[in-house]
Amino acid sequence: MEEIYEEPSSDGPDLQRYLGVVRRRHIHFLVPFFLAWLLVWGASWVISPRYKSSTLILVEQPTMPKSYVEPNVNEDLQGRLASIEQQILSRTRLLLIIDKLHLYNDSRAETSPDQKVELMTKDIEIQLVRPSEGAPITAFKIYYSASDPHVAQQVTRELTDLFINENLKVRQQESQGTTAFIESQLETARATLAQQETKVKEFEGAHLGELPTQQTTNLQILSGLQSQLQNEEDTLSSAKQQRVYLQTMIDQYRSLRGSPGEPTDLDAIERRLDTLRSQLNDLSTRYTDEHPSIRNLKAQIANTEKMRDDLLTRSTSTANSGRQLADTRPVGGGQGSTPLQLQSQLQANQAEIANRDRAIAELKSRVNDYQARLNSAPAREQQLADLTRGYEQSKENFDDLLKKKNQSEMATSMEQMQQGERFTMLDPPSLPEKPYSPNRLKLCGIGVGVGFALGLAFVIGFELMDDRMHSEKEIKMLLPVAIISEVPEIVNPSDQELTNRKLLFGWAMAATVTAMILAGSAFSYLRN
């Protein structure tokens, strides 16, 4: 019974098969690998080199402290930089630089102005510099790339000058605009203040004497008027008493002429004296001896006493001598008074009473007027407070705008003297010595990767299209029955020599490709 030999199966990788693929397909791998690398690496030397010039611009803070001069421009540096960048990178500005330095004049193709502007915009790069995340901007960098290093340096210098000058121009314009705006607001506030002041003056003129500030004066005047009124009324009362007295004297003289020696007249005089003395005692408690009412009462008392004495004397005389005495009777103050003189005094007294009545009426009118002023003072005070409140608000607004105007003018002067925040070129535009693009060493590595992928694709493709069997295992898997015996391969010297030549050629080709790639990488590194 024959024993059938079966090779043990293995689940691991079939290294013999992979080595066989390498022996058969190394040429198919090395050729596309080298050609792909050579194509990418060669293209890196065909691409025109690009040089990048850069400059560092420092954002210098104002030389004057903010506690002395408060800037009146926008403090948002990032926003202002964005605005300046938009202005500088505008079509008009860039075309001026392009025409001045003759940029993008490719003789092989006609380039429109819009295309030139688009190309230049792509070649410009602006990078903000911050000390830390979220910190304010302290500087920014400007980059420009060109095929000529000197052109790159010139364009970077032009852009730097534009940024510095445009920043000064923008700050001065903003400062002047702020000052002009505040001045216009100040003029409006001045006109409003003048209107409010006119309203207050017109109100004070229309209600003179009724203002709260005049209330104390009105009270003093009213008190004085009331005192005068009281004096006038007292004087009027005395004058009226004098009129009664004079009328009584005249009546007494007339009665003496008609019925002399009538005893009842003496009783009336005594009662009159008692009344006058009682009034004198009452007034003496309130007024001095120099008061007109007291002096008048004293004169009346003297006259009445004189009249009493005359009546007593007349009672012991004859009727004829009594009539003669009556014609020569003295009046107050020790001098004689005739009926004609008494009549004249009565007329003067009546005139005085009329004058006192008019004076009292006038004083009452003035008292009522000042009383009305005092009564209307609360309403006028409220009206004046409303007007004054508007005036004070307008004045406060005017003073605030005036202060801001002075501060803004100082800030504008500071900007014009270039003492505010400004851009200072810290590093001048550099002259690049080596191109930044293309990176030939990087492209060399990319070429290696592309060549490896392409060579591997070729190997896999050839293997999939090859329907031949190259190993015993493939034959055994193809046959439906087990193999009983094997016939060994018979190799003659010519086949062995051919195999050795192929192997040597493969190794030589692999070494050549590797050497050329290493040489190209070294050359790219040194030239880059």
Protein backbone atom coordinates (compact mmCIF):
# COMPACT_ATOMS: atom_id res chain seq x y z
CA MET A 1 0.00 0.00 0.00
CA GLU A 2 1.51 3.38 -1.12
CA GLU A 3 1.86 6.19 1.32
CA ILE A 4 0.83 9.58 0.02
CA TYR A 5 2.92 12.55 1.19
CA GLU A 6 1.15 15.81 1.83
CA GLU A 7 2.95 19.06 2.65
CA PRO A 8 1.93 20.59 5.89
CA SER A 9 -0.31 23.71 5.45
CA SER A 10 0.62 27.00 7.08
CA ASP A 11 -1.61 29.90 7.88
CA GLY A 12 1.29 32.42 7.98
CA PRO A 13 2.54 34.58 5.08
CA ASP A 14 3.96 32.72 2.10
CA LEU A 15 7.46 34.19 1.98
CA GLN A 16 8.57 31.96 -0.88
CA ARG A 17 5.76 33.26 -3.06
CA TYR A 18 6.60 36.89 -2.27
CA LEU A 19 10.27 36.29 -2.97
CA GLY A 20 9.32 34.69 -6.25
CA VAL A 21 7.26 37.76 -7.17
CA VAL A 22 10.22 39.98 -6.36
CA ARG A 23 12.54 37.88 -8.55
CA ARG A 24 10.10 37.91 -11.44
CA ARG A 25 8.80 41.48 -11.23
CA HIS A 26 11.67 43.64 -9.92
CA ILE A 27 12.18 45.14 -13.36
CA HIS A 28 8.45 45.92 -13.62
CA PHE A 29 8.73 47.69 -10.26
CA LEU A 30 12.00 49.58 -10.70
CA VAL A 31 11.24 51.07 -14.12
CA PRO A 32 7.94 52.87 -13.24
CA PHE A 33 9.31 53.69 -9.78
CA PHE A 34 12.34 55.45 -11.26
CA LEU A 35 10.40 57.14 -14.06
CA ALA A 36 7.75 58.52 -11.68
CA TRP A 37 10.40 59.84 -9.31
CA LEU A 38 12.36 61.32 -12.17
CA LEU A 39 9.24 63.04 -13.51
CA VAL A 40 8.31 64.64 -10.16
CA TRP A 41 11.88 65.55 -9.31
CA GLY A 42 12.52 66.98 -12.74
CA ALA A 43 9.33 69.03 -12.55
CA SER A 44 10.66 70.65 -9.36
CA TRP A 45 13.52 72.05 -11.42
CA VAL A 46 11.26 73.20 -14.19
CA ILE A 47 8.93 75.18 -11.88
CA SER A 48 10.01 78.81 -11.58
CA PRO A 49 11.45 79.55 -8.10
CA ARG A 50 9.62 81.99 -5.83
CA TYR A 51 11.36 84.32 -3.38
CA LYS A 52 9.59 85.75 -0.33
CA SER A 53 10.55 89.04 1.27
CA SER A 54 9.27 89.96 4.75
CA THR A 55 9.26 92.92 7.11
CA LEU A 56 8.20 93.37 10.75
CA ILE A 57 6.16 96.45 11.68
CA LEU A 58 5.90 97.35 15.37
CA VAL A 59 2.69 98.85 16.74
CA GLU A 60 4.16 101.64 18.87
CA GLN A 61 1.96 103.00 21.64
CA PRO A 62 1.35 106.78 22.08
CA THR A 63 4.17 108.73 23.67
CA MET A 64 1.70 110.80 25.71
CA PRO A 65 0.02 108.94 28.61
CA LYS A 66 -3.74 108.49 28.32
CA SER A 67 -4.18 110.22 31.67
CA TYR A 68 -2.99 113.46 30.01
CA VAL A 69 -4.40 113.12 26.48
CA GLU A 70 -7.20 110.68 25.74
CA PRO A 71 -7.08 109.47 22.09
CA ASN A 72 -10.20 110.24 20.06
CA VAL A 73 -9.78 107.49 17.43
CA ASN A 74 -10.89 103.89 17.26
CA GLU A 75 -8.81 101.77 19.64
CA ASP A 76 -9.68 98.50 17.87
CA LEU A 77 -6.32 97.91 16.21
CA GLN A 78 -7.40 94.68 14.53
CA GLY A 79 -10.44 96.35 13.00
CA ARG A 80 -8.40 99.34 11.87
CA LEU A 81 -5.75 97.03 10.36
CA ALA A 82 -8.47 95.16 8.47
CA SER A 83 -9.80 98.47 7.13
CA ILE A 84 -6.33 99.66 6.13
CA GLU A 85 -5.62 96.30 4.49
CA GLN A 86 -8.79 96.58 2.42
CA GLN A 87 -7.80 100.08 1.31
CA ILE A 88 -4.22 99.15 0.45
CA LEU A 89 -5.20 95.94 -1.34
CA SER A 90 -7.78 97.75 -3.39
CA ARG A 91 -7.58 97.56 -7.15
CA THR A 92 -6.45 101.17 -7.57
CA ARG A 93 -3.60 100.95 -5.06
CA LEU A 94 -2.30 97.63 -6.36
CA LEU A 95 -2.41 98.78 -9.99
CA LEU A 96 -0.27 101.78 -9.04
CA ILE A 97 2.39 99.45 -7.59
CA ILE A 98 2.10 97.07 -10.55
CA ASP A 99 2.59 99.89 -13.06
CA LYS A 100 5.38 101.47 -11.05
CA LEU A 101 7.45 98.25 -10.74
CA HIS A 102 6.24 96.65 -14.01
CA LEU A 103 4.96 93.51 -12.33
CA TYR A 104 3.35 90.49 -14.01
CA ASN A 105 4.40 91.52 -17.51
CA ASP A 106 4.57 88.06 -19.06
CA SER A 107 5.52 88.36 -22.73
CA ARG A 108 4.13 84.92 -23.49
CA ALA A 109 0.58 85.77 -22.48
CA GLU A 110 -1.44 88.96 -22.27
CA THR A 111 -2.60 89.58 -18.66
CA SER A 112 -5.49 91.90 -17.92
CA PRO A 113 -5.31 94.43 -15.03
CA ASP A 114 -7.86 92.45 -13.04
CA GLN A 115 -5.80 89.30 -13.43
CA LYS A 116 -2.68 91.16 -12.31
CA VAL A 117 -4.49 92.44 -9.23
CA GLU A 118 -5.72 88.93 -8.44
CA LEU A 119 -2.21 87.48 -8.81
CA MET A 120 -0.69 90.17 -6.62
CA THR A 121 -3.36 89.68 -3.93
CA LYS A 122 -2.43 86.00 -3.76
CA ASP A 123 1.27 86.87 -3.41
CA ILE A 124 0.68 89.20 -0.42
CA GLU A 125 0.39 87.80 3.09
CA ILE A 126 -0.17 89.72 6.34
CA GLN A 127 0.40 87.98 9.67
CA LEU A 128 -0.55 89.48 13.06
CA VAL A 129 1.84 89.04 15.99
CA ARG A 130 0.47 88.51 19.51
CA PRO A 131 2.56 87.75 22.64
CA SER A 132 0.03 85.15 23.74
CA GLU A 133 -3.42 83.81 22.97
CA GLY A 134 -5.99 86.57 23.33
CA ALA A 135 -3.36 89.27 23.96
CA PRO A 136 -3.50 92.59 22.03
CA ILE A 137 -1.61 92.94 18.77
CA THR A 138 1.94 94.22 19.25
CA ALA A 139 3.25 93.91 15.68
CA PHE A 140 2.46 92.43 12.29
CA LYS A 141 4.46 91.03 9.39
CA ILE A 142 4.11 91.67 5.67
CA TYR A 143 5.18 89.03 3.15
CA TYR A 144 5.42 89.26 -0.62
CA SER A 145 6.58 86.53 -2.98
CA ALA A 146 7.95 87.00 -6.49
CA SER A 147 10.19 85.24 -8.96
CA ASP A 148 12.87 87.92 -8.49
CA PRO A 149 14.22 88.51 -4.95
CA HIS A 150 14.86 92.22 -5.62
CA VAL A 151 11.33 92.71 -6.90
CA ALA A 152 9.98 90.96 -3.80
CA GLN A 153 12.01 93.33 -1.61
CA GLN A 154 10.85 96.44 -3.51
CA VAL A 155 7.17 95.47 -3.37
CA THR A 156 7.45 94.70 0.35
CA ARG A 157 8.98 98.14 0.91
CA GLU A 158 6.14 99.78 -1.03
CA LEU A 159 3.53 97.89 0.99
CA THR A 160 5.29 98.82 4.24
CA ASP A 161 5.29 102.53 3.36
CA LEU A 162 1.62 102.31 2.41
CA PHE A 163 0.69 100.71 5.72
CA ILE A 164 2.65 103.27 7.79
CA ASN A 165 1.38 106.29 5.86
CA GLU A 166 -2.19 105.01 5.63
CA ASN A 167 -2.31 104.41 9.36
CA LEU A 168 -1.21 108.00 10.05
CA LYS A 169 -3.72 109.29 7.51
CA VAL A 170 -6.58 107.21 8.88
CA ARG A 171 -5.87 108.21 12.49
CA GLN A 172 -5.62 111.89 11.59
CA GLN A 173 -8.85 111.74 9.57
CA GLU A 174 -10.68 109.93 12.37
CA SER A 175 -9.34 112.41 14.93
CA GLN A 176 -10.30 115.43 12.83
CA GLY A 177 -13.70 113.92 12.11
CA THR A 178 -14.30 113.33 15.81
CA THR A 179 -13.32 116.91 16.64
CA ALA A 180 -15.56 118.30 13.87
CA PHE A 181 -18.49 116.20 15.08
CA ILE A 182 -18.04 117.36 18.68
CA GLU A 183 -17.83 120.99 17.47
CA SER A 184 -21.12 120.63 15.58
CA GLN A 185 -22.76 119.12 18.65
CA LEU A 186 -21.28 121.92 20.76
CA GLU A 187 -22.82 124.57 18.50
CA THR A 188 -26.20 122.86 18.76
CA ALA A 189 -25.83 122.70 22.56
CA ARG A 190 -24.82 126.39 22.64
CA ALA A 191 -27.95 127.37 20.69
CA THR A 192 -30.14 125.24 22.97
CA LEU A 193 -28.50 126.79 26.05
CA ALA A 194 -29.11 130.29 24.70
CA GLN A 195 -32.79 129.45 24.12
CA GLN A 196 -33.14 128.09 27.64
CA GLU A 197 -31.38 131.14 29.07
CA THR A 198 -33.70 133.47 27.10
CA LYS A 199 -36.75 131.63 28.42
CA VAL A 200 -35.53 131.98 32.01
CA LYS A 201 -34.84 135.70 31.57
CA GLU A 202 -38.21 136.31 29.92
CA PHE A 203 -39.96 134.45 32.73
CA GLU A 204 -38.08 136.41 35.39
CA GLY A 205 -38.89 139.68 33.62
CA ALA A 206 -42.56 138.80 33.23
CA HIS A 207 -42.93 137.79 36.90
CA LEU A 208 -40.71 140.36 38.55
CA GLY A 209 -41.47 140.52 42.24
CA GLU A 210 -43.02 137.03 42.28
CA LEU A 211 -39.80 135.05 42.12
CA PRO A 212 -38.72 132.78 44.97
CA THR A 213 -35.51 134.76 45.40
CA GLN A 214 -37.57 137.91 46.09
CA GLN A 215 -39.83 136.31 48.69
CA THR A 216 -37.78 137.57 51.65
CA THR A 217 -37.75 141.09 50.22
CA ASN A 218 -41.49 140.93 49.62
CA LEU A 219 -42.07 139.86 53.21
CA GLN A 220 -39.98 142.75 54.49
CA ILE A 221 -41.75 145.24 52.25
CA LEU A 222 -45.14 143.82 53.23
CA SER A 223 -44.25 144.12 56.90
CA GLY A 224 -43.20 147.74 56.39
CA LEU A 225 -46.36 148.53 54.45
CA GLN A 226 -48.49 146.99 57.16
CA SER A 227 -46.68 149.12 59.77
CA GLN A 228 -47.25 152.23 57.64
CA LEU A 229 -50.89 151.27 57.22
CA GLN A 230 -51.26 150.86 60.96
CA ASN A 231 -49.65 154.26 61.54
CA GLU A 232 -51.86 155.89 58.94
CA GLU A 233 -54.95 154.32 60.45
CA ASP A 234 -53.90 155.51 63.93
CA THR A 235 -53.22 158.99 62.57
CA LEU A 236 -56.57 158.94 60.77
CA SER A 237 -58.25 157.94 63.98
CA SER A 238 -56.57 160.84 65.79
CA ALA A 239 -57.53 163.21 62.97
CA LYS A 240 -61.11 162.07 63.20
CA GLN A 241 -61.00 162.65 66.94
CA GLN A 242 -59.54 166.08 66.25
CA ARG A 243 -62.37 166.75 63.84
CA VAL A 244 -64.92 165.78 66.53
CA TYR A 245 -63.13 168.04 68.97
CA LEU A 246 -63.03 170.99 66.63
CA GLN A 247 -66.63 170.49 65.69
CA THR A 248 -67.48 170.37 69.38
CA MET A 249 -65.52 173.56 70.01
CA ILE A 250 -67.32 175.34 67.23
CA ASP A 251 -70.65 174.11 68.52
CA GLN A 252 -69.68 175.20 72.03
CA TYR A 253 -68.81 178.69 70.84
CA ARG A 254 -72.04 178.87 68.99
CA SER A 255 -73.96 177.73 72.08
CA LEU A 256 -72.12 180.28 74.21
CA ARG A 257 -73.23 183.00 71.87
CA GLY A 258 -76.81 181.75 71.84
CA SER A 259 -77.27 180.78 75.57
CA PRO A 260 -74.33 181.79 77.71
CA GLY A 261 -73.62 180.27 81.05
CA GLU A 262 -75.24 176.96 80.38
CA PRO A 263 -73.90 174.59 83.02
CA THR A 264 -74.21 171.48 80.97
CA ASP A 265 -71.39 172.68 78.72
CA LEU A 266 -68.93 172.41 81.56
CA ASP A 267 -69.98 168.82 82.22
CA ALA A 268 -69.46 167.91 78.57
CA ILE A 269 -65.99 169.44 78.64
CA GLU A 270 -65.10 167.42 81.71
CA ARG A 271 -66.28 164.23 80.06
CA ARG A 272 -64.33 165.17 76.96
CA LEU A 273 -61.19 165.67 79.08
CA ASP A 274 -61.63 162.26 80.69
CA THR A 275 -61.98 160.62 77.28
CA LEU A 276 -58.91 162.35 75.87
CA ARG A 277 -56.80 161.52 78.93
CA SER A 278 -57.88 157.88 78.72
CA GLN A 279 -56.86 157.79 75.01
CA LEU A 280 -53.54 159.45 75.88
CA ASN A 281 -52.80 156.83 78.53
CA ASP A 282 -53.66 154.04 76.06
CA LEU A 283 -51.45 155.43 73.28
CA SER A 284 -48.59 156.17 75.69
CA THR A 285 -48.20 152.43 76.27
CA ARG A 286 -47.56 151.89 72.53
CA TYR A 287 -45.90 155.08 71.23
CA THR A 288 -43.38 157.65 72.38
CA ASP A 289 -44.14 161.28 73.24
CA GLU A 290 -42.98 162.39 69.79
CA HIS A 291 -45.63 160.37 67.99
CA PRO A 292 -48.09 162.58 66.10
CA SER A 293 -51.13 160.99 67.74
CA ILE A 294 -49.79 161.65 71.24
CA ARG A 295 -48.85 165.22 70.40
CA ASN A 296 -52.26 165.78 68.88
CA LEU A 297 -54.01 164.39 71.96
CA LYS A 298 -51.91 166.59 74.24
CA ALA A 299 -52.88 169.63 72.18
CA GLN A 300 -56.56 168.68 72.38
CA ILE A 301 -56.30 168.18 76.13
CA ALA A 302 -54.65 171.60 76.51
CA ASN A 303 -57.32 173.30 74.42
CA THR A 304 -60.10 171.55 76.30
CA GLU A 305 -58.60 172.53 79.66
CA LYS A 306 -58.33 176.11 78.39
CA MET A 307 -61.96 175.97 77.33
CA ARG A 308 -62.96 174.67 80.76
CA ASP A 309 -61.09 177.50 82.45
CA ASP A 310 -62.74 180.02 80.19
CA LEU A 311 -66.16 178.63 81.03
CA LEU A 312 -65.40 178.81 84.75
CA THR A 313 -64.27 182.42 84.39
CA ARG A 314 -67.25 183.31 82.29
CA SER A 315 -69.66 181.95 84.86
CA THR A 316 -68.70 184.85 87.26
CA SER A 317 -68.69 187.61 84.63
CA THR A 318 -71.38 189.57 82.99
CA ALA A 319 -73.10 188.57 79.79
CA ASN A 320 -71.55 191.39 77.75
CA SER A 321 -68.04 190.83 78.99
CA GLY A 322 -68.60 187.05 78.48
CA ARG A 323 -69.49 187.64 74.86
CA GLN A 324 -66.40 189.81 74.38
CA LEU A 325 -64.28 187.14 76.05
CA ALA A 326 -65.80 184.57 73.77
CA ASP A 327 -64.67 186.56 70.73
CA THR A 328 -61.07 186.64 71.98
CA ARG A 329 -60.81 183.05 73.43
CA PRO A 330 -57.31 181.44 73.03
CA VAL A 331 -56.61 178.03 71.25
CA GLY A 332 -54.22 175.17 72.11
CA GLY A 333 -50.66 175.86 72.94
CA GLY A 334 -51.53 178.82 75.17
CA GLN A 335 -52.70 181.17 72.35
CA GLY A 336 -56.23 182.43 71.79
CA SER A 337 -58.57 180.82 69.25
CA THR A 338 -61.46 182.53 67.50
CA PRO A 339 -64.39 180.70 65.88
CA LEU A 340 -62.94 181.61 62.51
CA GLN A 341 -59.66 179.97 63.44
CA LEU A 342 -61.49 176.88 64.66
CA GLN A 343 -63.36 176.71 61.38
CA SER A 344 -60.08 176.97 59.50
CA GLN A 345 -58.56 174.21 61.64
CA LEU A 346 -61.61 172.04 60.96
CA GLN A 347 -61.20 172.46 57.21
CA ALA A 348 -57.50 171.58 57.48
CA ASN A 349 -58.44 168.60 59.57
CA GLN A 350 -60.96 167.45 57.00
CA ALA A 351 -58.35 167.79 54.25
CA GLU A 352 -55.91 165.78 56.35
CA ILE A 353 -58.56 163.08 56.88
CA ALA A 354 -59.13 162.91 53.10
CA ASN A 355 -55.39 162.61 52.47
CA ARG A 356 -55.10 159.92 55.12
CA ASP A 357 -57.99 158.02 53.52
CA ARG A 358 -56.26 158.12 50.12
CA ALA A 359 -52.94 157.05 51.65
CA ILE A 360 -54.61 154.20 53.51
CA ALA A 361 -56.37 153.06 50.30
CA GLU A 362 -53.07 153.16 48.43
CA LEU A 363 -51.29 151.26 51.18
CA LYS A 364 -54.03 148.64 51.26
CA SER A 365 -53.71 148.24 47.48
CA ARG A 366 -49.96 147.79 47.80
CA VAL A 367 -50.40 145.36 50.70
CA ASN A 368 -52.86 143.33 48.60
CA ASP A 369 -50.41 143.40 45.68
CA TYR A 370 -47.53 142.08 47.77
CA GLN A 371 -49.83 139.58 49.42
CA ALA A 372 -50.81 138.32 45.94
CA ARG A 373 -47.11 138.07 45.03
CA LEU A 374 -46.46 135.96 48.09
CA ASN A 375 -49.47 133.77 47.33
CA SER A 376 -48.32 133.18 43.73
CA ALA A 377 -44.71 132.46 44.78
CA PRO A 378 -45.16 128.63 45.04
CA ALA A 379 -46.60 128.40 41.52
CA ARG A 380 -43.87 130.65 40.13
CA GLU A 381 -41.27 128.63 41.99
CA GLN A 382 -42.48 125.41 40.31
CA GLN A 383 -42.54 127.05 36.87
CA LEU A 384 -39.10 128.53 37.38
CA ALA A 385 -37.80 125.16 38.63
CA ASP A 386 -38.98 123.52 35.40
CA LEU A 387 -37.28 126.17 33.30
CA THR A 388 -34.15 126.09 35.45
CA ARG A 389 -33.99 122.30 35.24
CA GLY A 390 -33.96 122.47 31.44
CA TYR A 391 -31.38 125.24 31.58
CA GLU A 392 -29.14 123.28 33.97
CA GLN A 393 -29.36 120.18 31.78
CA SER A 394 -28.48 122.22 28.70
CA LYS A 395 -25.61 123.88 30.56
CA GLU A 396 -24.32 120.55 31.82
CA ASN A 397 -24.48 119.12 28.30
CA PHE A 398 -22.73 122.21 26.94
CA ASP A 399 -19.96 122.05 29.57
CA ASP A 400 -19.46 118.34 28.92
CA LEU A 401 -19.23 118.88 25.15
CA LEU A 402 -16.89 121.82 25.67
CA LYS A 403 -14.60 119.65 27.78
CA LYS A 404 -14.72 116.87 25.19
CA LYS A 405 -13.99 119.39 22.42
CA ASN A 406 -10.89 120.62 24.22
CA GLN A 407 -9.72 117.04 24.81
CA SER A 408 -10.44 116.11 21.19
CA GLU A 409 -8.51 119.12 19.91
CA MET A 410 -5.53 118.09 22.03
CA ALA A 411 -5.79 114.52 20.70
CA THR A 412 -6.00 115.84 17.11
CA SER A 413 -2.93 117.98 17.68
CA MET A 414 -1.14 114.95 19.11
CA GLU A 415 -2.04 112.89 16.01
CA GLN A 416 -0.86 115.67 13.69
CA MET A 417 2.45 115.74 15.57
CA GLN A 418 2.60 111.93 15.13
CA GLN A 419 2.70 111.41 18.89
CA GLY A 420 -0.20 108.92 18.89
CA GLU A 421 -0.22 105.22 18.14
CA ARG A 422 1.87 104.61 15.02
CA PHE A 423 3.48 101.87 12.96
CA THR A 424 7.27 101.65 13.05
CA MET A 425 9.26 99.46 10.69
CA LEU A 426 11.29 97.29 13.06
CA ASP A 427 12.93 95.07 10.41
CA PRO A 428 13.47 96.48 6.91
CA PRO A 429 12.24 94.37 3.98
CA SER A 430 14.59 91.41 3.59
CA LEU A 431 16.37 90.40 0.40
CA PRO A 432 15.77 86.62 0.12
CA GLU A 433 18.82 84.60 -0.85
CA LYS A 434 17.07 81.25 -1.36
CA PRO A 435 13.68 80.53 -2.87
CA TYR A 436 10.95 79.37 -0.56
CA SER A 437 9.12 77.60 -3.39
CA PRO A 438 9.30 75.01 -4.79
CA ASN A 439 10.70 72.84 -2.01
CA ARG A 440 12.69 70.48 -4.18
CA LEU A 441 13.71 68.20 -1.33
CA LYS A 442 10.08 67.79 -0.39
CA LEU A 443 9.13 67.15 -3.99
CA CYS A 444 11.92 64.57 -4.19
CA GLY A 445 10.37 62.68 -1.29
CA ILE A 446 6.93 63.00 -2.93
CA GLY A 447 8.42 61.57 -6.13
CA VAL A 448 9.72 58.56 -4.19
CA GLY A 449 6.28 57.95 -2.73
CA VAL A 450 4.56 58.34 -6.11
CA GLY A 451 7.13 56.04 -7.79
CA PHE A 452 6.73 53.39 -5.11
CA ALA A 453 2.95 53.44 -5.48
CA LEU A 454 3.18 53.32 -9.28
CA GLY A 455 5.74 50.46 -9.27
CA LEU A 456 3.62 48.47 -6.82
CA ALA A 457 0.58 49.02 -9.03
CA PHE A 458 2.50 47.73 -12.05
CA VAL A 459 3.62 44.61 -10.17
CA ILE A 460 0.10 43.83 -8.98
CA GLY A 461 -1.25 44.39 -12.47
CA PHE A 462 1.25 42.08 -14.14
CA GLU A 463 0.65 39.40 -11.53
CA LEU A 464 -3.09 39.54 -12.04
CA MET A 465 -2.74 39.27 -15.84
CA ASP A 466 -0.20 36.40 -15.68
CA ASP A 467 -2.03 32.99 -15.82
CA ARG A 468 1.10 30.86 -15.56
CA MET A 469 1.98 28.68 -12.55
CA HIS A 470 5.30 29.35 -10.92
CA SER A 471 5.34 26.97 -7.93
CA GLU A 472 4.53 23.36 -7.00
CA LYS A 473 1.91 24.55 -4.58
CA GLU A 474 -0.09 26.20 -7.33
CA ILE A 475 0.05 22.95 -9.38
CA LYS A 476 -1.07 20.86 -6.42
CA MET A 477 -3.96 23.20 -5.76
CA LEU A 478 -4.99 22.97 -9.40
CA LEU A 479 -4.96 19.09 -9.64
CA PRO A 480 -8.01 17.21 -8.29
CA VAL A 481 -5.96 14.22 -7.11
CA ALA A 482 -3.02 13.83 -4.85
CA ILE A 483 0.52 13.82 -6.28
CA ILE A 484 2.29 10.45 -5.97
CA SER A 485 5.73 11.48 -7.15
CA GLU A 486 7.63 14.54 -8.45
CA VAL A 487 10.14 14.99 -11.24
CA PRO A 488 12.93 17.34 -10.23
CA GLU A 489 13.80 20.35 -12.41
CA ILE A 490 16.64 19.70 -14.80
CA VAL A 491 18.77 22.86 -15.16
CA ASN A 492 21.47 23.02 -17.80
CA PRO A 493 24.46 25.41 -17.60
CA SER A 494 23.05 27.90 -20.14
CA ASP A 495 19.79 28.33 -18.19
CA GLN A 496 21.72 28.78 -14.98
CA GLU A 497 23.90 31.41 -16.60
CA LEU A 498 20.82 33.28 -17.89
CA THR A 499 19.26 33.22 -14.46
CA ASN A 500 22.41 34.59 -12.89
CA ARG A 501 22.57 37.39 -15.46
CA LYS A 502 18.98 38.42 -14.78
CA LEU A 503 19.66 38.43 -11.07
CA LEU A 504 22.80 40.51 -11.50
CA PHE A 505 21.02 42.96 -13.82
CA GLY A 506 18.22 43.36 -11.31
CA TRP A 507 20.60 44.12 -8.48
CA ALA A 508 22.58 46.51 -10.63
CA MET A 509 19.43 48.31 -11.72
CA ALA A 510 18.17 48.58 -8.12
CA ALA A 511 21.52 49.97 -7.01
CA THR A 512 21.55 52.46 -9.88
CA VAL A 513 18.01 53.71 -9.13
CA THR A 514 18.80 54.02 -5.43
CA ALA A 515 22.03 55.90 -6.13
CA MET A 516 20.33 58.32 -8.51
CA ILE A 517 17.52 59.03 -6.04
CA LEU A 518 20.01 59.66 -3.24
CA ALA A 519 22.10 61.89 -5.50
CA GLY A 520 19.02 63.84 -6.57
CA SER A 521 17.93 64.27 -2.94
CA ALA A 522 21.38 65.49 -1.94
CA PHE A 523 21.46 67.91 -4.87
CA SER A 524 18.02 69.23 -4.01
CA TYR A 525 18.99 69.72 -0.37
CA LEU A 526 22.14 71.62 -1.26
CA ARG A 527 20.47 73.84 -3.86
CA ASN A 528 17.36 74.48 -1.80
